[in-house]
Protein backbone atom coordinates (compact mmCIF):
# COMPACT_ATOMS: atom_id res chain seq x y z
CA MET A 1 19.76 -38.39 8.91
CA LYS A 2 16.72 -36.87 7.54
CA ASN A 3 15.59 -35.71 11.38
CA GLN A 4 19.02 -33.71 11.53
CA THR A 5 18.49 -32.06 8.17
CA LEU A 6 14.87 -30.95 9.39
CA ASN A 7 16.40 -29.88 12.53
CA ALA A 8 19.16 -27.84 10.93
CA ASP A 9 16.69 -26.23 8.40
CA ALA A 10 14.43 -25.35 11.25
CA ALA A 11 17.33 -23.79 13.21
CA PHE A 12 18.21 -21.89 10.31
CA TYR A 13 14.82 -20.48 9.57
CA HIS A 14 14.19 -19.63 13.24
CA GLU A 15 17.51 -17.76 13.41
CA MET A 16 16.71 -16.05 10.05
CA GLY A 17 13.21 -14.90 11.47
CA GLU A 18 14.62 -13.56 14.80
CA GLU A 19 17.19 -11.29 12.62
CA LEU A 20 14.49 -10.13 10.43
CA TYR A 21 12.30 -9.25 13.56
CA LYS A 22 15.23 -7.36 15.05
CA LYS A 23 15.97 -5.39 11.86
CA THR A 24 12.33 -4.46 11.14
CA ILE A 25 12.06 -1.26 12.96
CA PRO A 26 15.25 0.35 11.73
CA PHE A 27 14.17 -0.62 8.24
CA LEU A 28 10.67 0.78 8.79
CA ASN A 29 12.66 4.03 10.12
CA ASP A 30 14.63 4.21 7.03
CA VAL A 31 11.79 3.76 4.74
CA LEU A 32 9.85 6.63 6.79
CA GLY A 33 12.99 8.85 6.49
CA LYS A 34 12.84 8.51 2.62
CA LEU A 35 9.17 9.17 2.39
CA LEU A 36 9.62 12.34 4.53
CA THR A 37 12.56 13.55 1.78
CA ILE A 38 10.24 12.63 -0.96
CA SER A 39 6.96 14.44 0.38
CA VAL A 40 9.15 17.54 1.26
CA THR A 41 10.82 17.59 -2.24
CA LEU A 42 7.31 16.99 -4.17
CA SER A 43 5.73 19.68 -1.97
CA GLY A 44 8.67 22.28 -3.08
CA GLY A 45 8.81 20.91 -6.55
CA THR A 46 4.66 21.51 -6.88
CA VAL A 47 5.11 25.11 -5.62
CA PHE A 48 7.90 25.66 -8.11
CA PHE A 49 6.96 23.78 -11.32
CA LEU A 50 3.29 24.25 -10.90
CA GLY A 51 3.30 28.05 -10.31
CA ASP A 52 2.41 29.01 -13.78
CA ARG A 53 -1.08 30.83 -14.55
CA THR A 54 -2.12 27.81 -16.70
CA TYR A 55 -2.26 25.34 -13.70
CA PRO A 56 -5.51 25.59 -11.69
CA ASN A 57 -4.66 27.35 -8.24
CA GLY A 58 -6.96 25.50 -6.20
CA MET A 59 -5.64 22.16 -7.42
CA ARG A 60 -2.10 23.55 -6.63
CA ILE A 61 -3.29 24.27 -3.09
CA VAL A 62 -4.81 20.44 -2.80
CA VAL A 63 -1.69 18.93 -4.30
CA VAL A 64 0.56 20.81 -1.88
CA PHE A 65 -1.69 19.74 0.99
CA MET A 66 -1.42 16.22 0.16
CA PHE A 67 2.19 16.34 0.12
CA LEU A 68 2.17 18.12 3.33
CA LEU A 69 -0.20 15.34 4.91
CA ALA A 70 2.28 12.83 3.57
CA PHE A 71 5.18 14.70 5.24
CA ILE A 72 3.27 15.02 8.50
CA MET A 73 2.48 11.14 8.42
CA ALA A 74 6.23 10.14 7.60
CA PHE A 75 7.37 12.51 10.63
CA MET A 76 5.05 11.20 12.89
CA GLY A 77 6.05 7.59 12.23
CA ILE A 78 9.73 8.30 12.45
CA ILE A 79 9.33 9.43 15.93
CA PRO A 80 10.44 6.98 18.30
CA TYR A 81 7.66 4.81 19.52
CA ARG A 82 7.28 5.56 23.52
CA VAL A 83 5.70 2.94 25.72
CA SER A 84 6.98 1.92 29.20
CA ILE A 85 7.85 -1.93 29.21
CA ARG A 86 9.16 -4.10 31.70
CA TYR A 87 12.56 -5.51 29.92
CA CYS A 88 12.38 -8.77 32.26
CA CYS A 89 9.17 -9.98 30.54
CA PRO A 90 9.97 -11.33 26.90
CA ASP A 91 6.39 -11.41 26.20
CA GLU A 92 5.82 -7.72 27.15
CA VAL A 93 8.82 -6.72 24.87
CA ARG A 94 7.59 -9.01 21.99
CA GLU A 95 4.17 -7.29 22.26
CA THR A 96 5.59 -3.74 22.40
CA VAL A 97 7.73 -4.25 19.11
CA THR A 98 4.97 -5.68 17.23
CA SER A 99 2.76 -2.75 18.12
CA ALA A 100 5.62 -0.53 17.19
CA ILE A 101 5.87 -2.30 13.81
CA TRP A 102 2.02 -2.06 13.23
CA TRP A 103 2.08 1.77 13.85
CA LYS A 104 5.20 2.50 11.64
CA ASP A 105 3.50 0.36 9.07
CA GLY A 106 0.54 2.42 9.10
CA TYR A 107 2.42 5.51 8.96
CA ILE A 108 4.17 4.24 5.96
CA TRP A 109 0.97 3.41 4.20
CA GLY A 110 -0.61 6.71 4.89
CA SER A 111 2.29 8.73 3.81
CA SER A 112 2.61 6.65 0.72
CA ILE A 113 -1.07 6.96 0.04
CA PHE A 114 -1.07 10.90 0.05
CA ILE A 115 2.06 10.92 -2.10
CA VAL A 116 0.39 8.99 -4.78
CA LEU A 117 -2.81 10.97 -4.36
CA GLY A 118 -0.60 14.16 -4.77
CA ILE A 119 1.05 12.96 -7.85
CA ILE A 120 -2.40 11.79 -9.31
CA LEU A 121 -3.97 15.14 -8.55
CA ALA A 122 -0.95 17.04 -9.91
CA ALA A 123 -1.23 15.23 -13.21
CA VAL A 124 -4.98 15.69 -13.37
CA GLY A 125 -4.47 19.34 -12.64
CA PHE A 126 -1.82 19.76 -15.41
CA LEU A 127 -4.17 17.85 -18.14
CA VAL A 128 -7.27 20.18 -16.86
CA GLY A 129 -5.49 23.62 -16.94
CA THR A 130 -5.94 25.93 -19.51
CA PRO A 131 -3.42 25.75 -22.27
CA PRO A 132 -1.10 28.70 -22.80
CA GLN A 133 -2.47 31.47 -25.46
């Protein structure tokens, strides 16, 4: 009886693992799409809201550049992963999917880092800026 329970549990987790693996790339593309939207919104907000004279001009350019880099990273990551594979070879398909996941995950991290850096620099520029007189 215990052996049947182990087999049922193993089968359940094996099936769950396969489903998670299949859904990973669409999920990563969804995250990249949201990062794309966030970076464009933050870039536009930076230009609009930090456009007053009290905010340091050089800092504003750096912040907008950070959000632009975040946009580029998210855009590059959302582009379909192109590689020629033979669909008759399961190991080659698995290797390609794993590689696509690795690249998309890297673009997510890169875009996220630039967004966080942009927000931090925007806050620092706001704190360093000259107060209105």
